[in-house]
Amino acid sequence: MANDGFFERFLEDSFLNFGTDFDVIDVIIVLFWATLLSLVIATTYRGTHTGVSYSYHFTQNLVLLGLIVSVIMLIIGSDIARAFTLVGALSIVRFRSAIKDARDLGFIFFTMAMGMACGTKFYPLAIMITIVGCLLMYLMTITKFGQKYLAQDLLEMNFPKSKDYADILSTIFS
């Protein structure tokens, strides 16, 4: 039959040949290092986070972000047309989530940089920036680098609506 070679070629072209300068092994290696290093960064974020705005969704998103950026970089490769296409596609995306803490933004860029390094197959660089960045974050957390040593606490009080507590509490807080 004439179709015997069709299915073999179909499977090979679909799953073994990406049509670019990388193959299945390259993708597996990129996904492995991006996932592993993203998990290290997310664990560092969780371990060094202080304050009341912690979100485990954000921590999970750090892992996903590193993976996605590495795959995007793998797809772009050295093709300038793909890079401009990506910029054009992303320019229509509107992000509505506000970053509440500047430190969170730092972790986003940290994860993106690591993902870019993995996606461009600079694995030693990705490993080094992850190790140095995470150690630096732990060191700054332990030493409380940048802290002014002022107390900053959050007080939540629930009162029944039967009385006006503004007068009573104004003398305490003034």
C-alpha atoms as a PDB file:
ATOM      1  CA  MET A   1       0.000   0.000   0.000  1.00  0.00           C
ATOM      2  CA  ALA A   2       1.090   3.510  -0.750  1.00  0.00           C
ATOM      3  CA  ASN A   3      -0.034   4.795   2.636  1.00  0.00           C
ATOM      4  CA  ASP A   4       2.350   2.614   4.700  1.00  0.00           C
ATOM      5  CA  GLY A   5       5.056   5.283   4.772  1.00  0.00           C
ATOM      6  CA  PHE A   6       2.558   8.073   5.350  1.00  0.00           C
ATOM      7  CA  PHE A   7       1.807   7.210   8.979  1.00  0.00           C
ATOM      8  CA  GLU A   8       5.477   6.729   9.839  1.00  0.00           C
ATOM      9  CA  ARG A   9       6.351  10.068   8.286  1.00  0.00           C
ATOM     10  CA  PHE A  10       3.316  11.692   9.946  1.00  0.00           C
ATOM     11  CA  LEU A  11       4.407  10.491  13.388  1.00  0.00           C
ATOM     12  CA  GLU A  12       8.042  11.378  12.787  1.00  0.00           C
ATOM     13  CA  ASP A  13       7.241  14.882  11.520  1.00  0.00           C
ATOM     14  CA  SER A  14       4.747  15.433  14.332  1.00  0.00           C
ATOM     15  CA  PHE A  15       6.789  14.277  17.291  1.00  0.00           C
ATOM     16  CA  LEU A  16      10.447  13.865  16.402  1.00  0.00           C
ATOM     17  CA  ASN A  17      11.170  16.714  14.011  1.00  0.00           C
ATOM     18  CA  PHE A  18      10.285  20.149  15.326  1.00  0.00           C
ATOM     19  CA  GLY A  19      11.187  21.813  12.050  1.00  0.00           C
ATOM     20  CA  THR A  20      13.908  23.852  13.744  1.00  0.00           C
ATOM     21  CA  ASP A  21      17.390  23.375  15.120  1.00  0.00           C
ATOM     22  CA  PHE A  22      16.302  21.420  18.208  1.00  0.00           C
ATOM     23  CA  ASP A  23      14.936  17.947  18.791  1.00  0.00           C
ATOM     24  CA  VAL A  24      13.044  16.020  21.479  1.00  0.00           C
ATOM     25  CA  ILE A  25      16.129  15.614  23.678  1.00  0.00           C
ATOM     26  CA  ASP A  26      16.715  19.381  23.622  1.00  0.00           C
ATOM     27  CA  VAL A  27      13.131  20.000  24.728  1.00  0.00           C
ATOM     28  CA  ILE A  28      13.384  17.438  27.530  1.00  0.00           C
ATOM     29  CA  ILE A  29      16.625  18.985  28.797  1.00  0.00           C
ATOM     30  CA  VAL A  30      15.193  22.524  28.661  1.00  0.00           C
ATOM     31  CA  LEU A  31      12.013  21.443  30.464  1.00  0.00           C
ATOM     32  CA  PHE A  32      13.993  19.555  33.101  1.00  0.00           C
ATOM     33  CA  TRP A  33      16.343  22.413  33.995  1.00  0.00           C
ATOM     34  CA  ALA A  34      13.665  25.103  33.774  1.00  0.00           C
ATOM     35  CA  THR A  35      11.314  23.139  36.041  1.00  0.00           C
ATOM     36  CA  LEU A  36      13.991  22.190  38.556  1.00  0.00           C
ATOM     37  CA  LEU A  37      15.439  25.697  38.807  1.00  0.00           C
ATOM     38  CA  SER A  38      11.977  27.294  38.904  1.00  0.00           C
ATOM     39  CA  LEU A  39      11.116  25.035  41.834  1.00  0.00           C
ATOM     40  CA  VAL A  40      14.292  26.163  43.600  1.00  0.00           C
ATOM     41  CA  ILE A  41      13.393  29.825  43.031  1.00  0.00           C
ATOM     42  CA  ALA A  42       9.775  29.297  44.148  1.00  0.00           C
ATOM     43  CA  THR A  43      10.955  27.462  47.273  1.00  0.00           C
ATOM     44  CA  THR A  44      13.306  30.341  48.003  1.00  0.00           C
ATOM     45  CA  TYR A  45      10.438  32.796  47.589  1.00  0.00           C
ATOM     46  CA  ARG A  46       8.289  30.785  49.982  1.00  0.00           C
ATOM     47  CA  GLY A  47      11.124  30.380  52.486  1.00  0.00           C
ATOM     48  CA  THR A  48      12.126  34.035  52.522  1.00  0.00           C
ATOM     49  CA  HIS A  49       8.709  35.660  52.311  1.00  0.00           C
ATOM     50  CA  THR A  50       7.700  37.777  55.257  1.00  0.00           C
ATOM     51  CA  GLY A  51       4.573  39.800  55.635  1.00  0.00           C
ATOM     52  CA  VAL A  52       0.893  39.234  55.122  1.00  0.00           C
ATOM     53  CA  SER A  53       0.608  39.168  51.325  1.00  0.00           C
ATOM     54  CA  TYR A  54       1.873  35.620  50.679  1.00  0.00           C
ATOM     55  CA  SER A  55      -0.003  33.759  47.959  1.00  0.00           C
ATOM     56  CA  TYR A  56       0.686  30.149  47.131  1.00  0.00           C
ATOM     57  CA  HIS A  57      -0.784  30.853  43.698  1.00  0.00           C
ATOM     58  CA  PHE A  58       2.028  33.324  43.079  1.00  0.00           C
ATOM     59  CA  THR A  59       4.560  30.705  44.177  1.00  0.00           C
ATOM     60  CA  GLN A  60       3.062  28.171  41.773  1.00  0.00           C
ATOM     61  CA  ASN A  61       3.042  30.813  39.060  1.00  0.00           C
ATOM     62  CA  LEU A  62       6.807  31.308  39.471  1.00  0.00           C
ATOM     63  CA  VAL A  63       7.354  27.661  38.535  1.00  0.00           C
ATOM     64  CA  LEU A  64       5.064  27.936  35.540  1.00  0.00           C
ATOM     65  CA  LEU A  65       6.624  31.241  34.442  1.00  0.00           C
ATOM     66  CA  GLY A  66      10.140  29.793  34.301  1.00  0.00           C
ATOM     67  CA  LEU A  67       8.905  26.873  32.254  1.00  0.00           C
ATOM     68  CA  ILE A  68       6.917  29.044  29.840  1.00  0.00           C
ATOM     69  CA  VAL A  69       9.736  31.550  29.269  1.00  0.00           C
ATOM     70  CA  SER A  70      12.210  28.740  28.563  1.00  0.00           C
ATOM     71  CA  VAL A  71       9.891  27.208  25.974  1.00  0.00           C
ATOM     72  CA  ILE A  72       9.285  30.610  24.371  1.00  0.00           C
ATOM     73  CA  MET A  73      13.034  31.166  24.111  1.00  0.00           C
ATOM     74  CA  LEU A  74      13.469  27.709  22.623  1.00  0.00           C
ATOM     75  CA  ILE A  75      10.805  28.457  20.019  1.00  0.00           C
ATOM     76  CA  ILE A  76      12.257  31.866  19.158  1.00  0.00           C
ATOM     77  CA  GLY A  77      15.806  30.566  18.937  1.00  0.00           C
ATOM     78  CA  SER A  78      17.814  32.982  16.827  1.00  0.00           C
ATOM     79  CA  ASP A  79      14.984  33.824  14.444  1.00  0.00           C
ATOM     80  CA  ILE A  80      14.373  37.581  14.502  1.00  0.00           C
ATOM     81  CA  ALA A  81      11.025  37.202  12.722  1.00  0.00           C
ATOM     82  CA  ARG A  82       9.742  34.923  15.492  1.00  0.00           C
ATOM     83  CA  ALA A  83      10.935  37.392  18.105  1.00  0.00           C
ATOM     84  CA  PHE A  84       9.048  40.277  16.494  1.00  0.00           C
ATOM     85  CA  THR A  85       5.978  38.080  16.062  1.00  0.00           C
ATOM     86  CA  LEU A  86       6.061  37.292  19.777  1.00  0.00           C
ATOM     87  CA  VAL A  87       6.400  40.961  20.692  1.00  0.00           C
ATOM     88  CA  GLY A  88       3.440  41.789  18.478  1.00  0.00           C
ATOM     89  CA  ALA A  89       1.337  39.005  19.944  1.00  0.00           C
ATOM     90  CA  LEU A  90       2.156  39.956  23.531  1.00  0.00           C
ATOM     91  CA  SER A  91       1.520  43.642  22.933  1.00  0.00           C
ATOM     92  CA  ILE A  92      -2.224  42.982  22.806  1.00  0.00           C
ATOM     93  CA  VAL A  93      -2.245  41.146  26.148  1.00  0.00           C
ATOM     94  CA  ARG A  94      -3.390  43.318  29.019  1.00  0.00           C
ATOM     95  CA  PHE A  95      -2.349  42.249  32.489  1.00  0.00           C
ATOM     96  CA  ARG A  96      -4.757  43.326  35.217  1.00  0.00           C
ATOM     97  CA  SER A  97      -3.055  41.906  38.292  1.00  0.00           C
ATOM     98  CA  ALA A  98      -1.241  44.554  40.271  1.00  0.00           C
ATOM     99  CA  ILE A  99       2.034  43.547  41.872  1.00  0.00           C
ATOM    100  CA  LYS A 100       1.599  44.404  45.552  1.00  0.00           C
ATOM    101  CA  ASP A 101       5.216  43.985  46.600  1.00  0.00           C
ATOM    102  CA  ALA A 102       8.321  45.108  44.709  1.00  0.00           C
ATOM    103  CA  ARG A 103      10.067  41.968  45.931  1.00  0.00           C
ATOM    104  CA  ASP A 104       7.497  39.872  44.029  1.00  0.00           C
ATOM    105  CA  LEU A 105       8.416  41.719  40.844  1.00  0.00           C
ATOM    106  CA  GLY A 106      12.070  40.902  41.508  1.00  0.00           C
ATOM    107  CA  PHE A 107      11.241  37.211  41.756  1.00  0.00           C
ATOM    108  CA  ILE A 108       9.277  37.436  38.505  1.00  0.00           C
ATOM    109  CA  PHE A 109      12.299  38.892  36.676  1.00  0.00           C
ATOM    110  CA  PHE A 110      14.591  36.406  38.425  1.00  0.00           C
ATOM    111  CA  THR A 111      12.477  33.493  37.180  1.00  0.00           C
ATOM    112  CA  MET A 112      12.230  34.978  33.688  1.00  0.00           C
ATOM    113  CA  ALA A 113      16.011  35.426  33.461  1.00  0.00           C
ATOM    114  CA  MET A 114      16.554  31.822  34.511  1.00  0.00           C
ATOM    115  CA  GLY A 115      13.946  30.661  31.975  1.00  0.00           C
ATOM    116  CA  MET A 116      15.621  32.675  29.235  1.00  0.00           C
ATOM    117  CA  ALA A 117      18.981  31.121  30.099  1.00  0.00           C
ATOM    118  CA  CYS A 118      17.510  27.604  30.007  1.00  0.00           C
ATOM    119  CA  GLY A 119      15.601  28.271  26.786  1.00  0.00           C
ATOM    120  CA  THR A 120      18.765  29.461  25.052  1.00  0.00           C
ATOM    121  CA  LYS A 121      20.607  26.391  26.399  1.00  0.00           C
ATOM    122  CA  PHE A 122      22.905  28.328  28.741  1.00  0.00           C
ATOM    123  CA  TYR A 123      22.384  25.774  31.513  1.00  0.00           C
ATOM    124  CA  PRO A 124      25.527  26.591  33.542  1.00  0.00           C
ATOM    125  CA  LEU A 125      24.490  30.262  33.578  1.00  0.00           C
ATOM    126  CA  ALA A 126      20.930  29.335  34.626  1.00  0.00           C
ATOM    127  CA  ILE A 127      22.241  27.142  37.436  1.00  0.00           C
ATOM    128  CA  MET A 128      24.702  29.806  38.610  1.00  0.00           C
ATOM    129  CA  ILE A 129      22.201  32.671  38.641  1.00  0.00           C
ATOM    130  CA  THR A 130      19.703  30.471  40.485  1.00  0.00           C
ATOM    131  CA  ILE A 131      22.225  29.450  43.148  1.00  0.00           C
ATOM    132  CA  VAL A 132      23.638  32.955  43.612  1.00  0.00           C
ATOM    133  CA  GLY A 133      20.223  34.639  43.541  1.00  0.00           C
ATOM    134  CA  CYS A 134      18.653  32.218  46.012  1.00  0.00           C
ATOM    135  CA  LEU A 135      21.615  32.345  48.391  1.00  0.00           C
ATOM    136  CA  LEU A 136      21.535  36.125  48.197  1.00  0.00           C
ATOM    137  CA  MET A 137      17.821  36.201  49.030  1.00  0.00           C
ATOM    138  CA  TYR A 138      18.319  33.890  52.027  1.00  0.00           C
ATOM    139  CA  LEU A 139      21.288  35.958  53.208  1.00  0.00           C
ATOM    140  CA  MET A 140      19.356  39.225  52.931  1.00  0.00           C
ATOM    141  CA  THR A 141      16.391  37.666  54.754  1.00  0.00           C
ATOM    142  CA  ILE A 142      18.543  36.306  57.588  1.00  0.00           C
ATOM    143  CA  THR A 143      20.464  39.566  58.024  1.00  0.00           C
ATOM    144  CA  LYS A 144      17.302  41.640  57.525  1.00  0.00           C
ATOM    145  CA  PHE A 145      19.170  43.684  54.945  1.00  0.00           C
ATOM    146  CA  GLY A 146      17.503  47.027  54.254  1.00  0.00           C
ATOM    147  CA  GLN A 147      15.183  46.883  57.241  1.00  0.00           C
ATOM    148  CA  LYS A 148      14.789  50.088  59.248  1.00  0.00           C
ATOM    149  CA  TYR A 149      13.881  48.214  62.436  1.00  0.00           C
ATOM    150  CA  LEU A 150      10.512  49.867  62.771  1.00  0.00           C
ATOM    151  CA  ALA A 151       7.568  47.839  63.968  1.00  0.00           C
ATOM    152  CA  GLN A 152       4.966  47.331  61.306  1.00  0.00           C
ATOM    153  CA  ASP A 153       2.009  45.261  62.383  1.00  0.00           C
ATOM    154  CA  LEU A 154      -1.521  44.801  61.209  1.00  0.00           C
ATOM    155  CA  LEU A 155      -4.311  45.087  63.742  1.00  0.00           C
ATOM    156  CA  GLU A 156      -7.804  43.918  62.914  1.00  0.00           C
ATOM    157  CA  MET A 157     -10.622  44.666  65.328  1.00  0.00           C
ATOM    158  CA  ASN A 158     -14.248  43.565  65.148  1.00  0.00           C
ATOM    159  CA  PHE A 159     -16.836  45.451  67.177  1.00  0.00           C
ATOM    160  CA  PRO A 160     -20.584  45.217  67.360  1.00  0.00           C
ATOM    161  CA  LYS A 161     -22.378  48.066  65.628  1.00  0.00           C
ATOM    162  CA  SER A 162     -24.381  48.954  68.732  1.00  0.00           C
ATOM    163  CA  LYS A 163     -21.885  51.607  69.929  1.00  0.00           C
ATOM    164  CA  ASP A 164     -19.767  54.245  68.231  1.00  0.00           C
ATOM    165  CA  TYR A 165     -16.238  53.172  69.064  1.00  0.00           C
ATOM    166  CA  ALA A 166     -14.560  56.042  67.210  1.00  0.00           C
ATOM    167  CA  ASP A 167     -14.563  58.256  70.312  1.00  0.00           C
ATOM    168  CA  ILE A 168     -13.334  55.496  72.615  1.00  0.00           C
ATOM    169  CA  LEU A 169     -10.528  54.365  70.279  1.00  0.00           C
ATOM    170  CA  SER A 170      -9.399  57.825  69.165  1.00  0.00           C
ATOM    171  CA  THR A 171      -7.925  58.517  72.610  1.00  0.00           C
ATOM    172  CA  ILE A 172      -6.043  55.210  72.577  1.00  0.00           C
ATOM    173  CA  PHE A 173      -4.570  55.617  69.081  1.00  0.00           C
ATOM    174  CA  SER A 174      -3.771  59.303  69.352  1.00  0.00           C
END
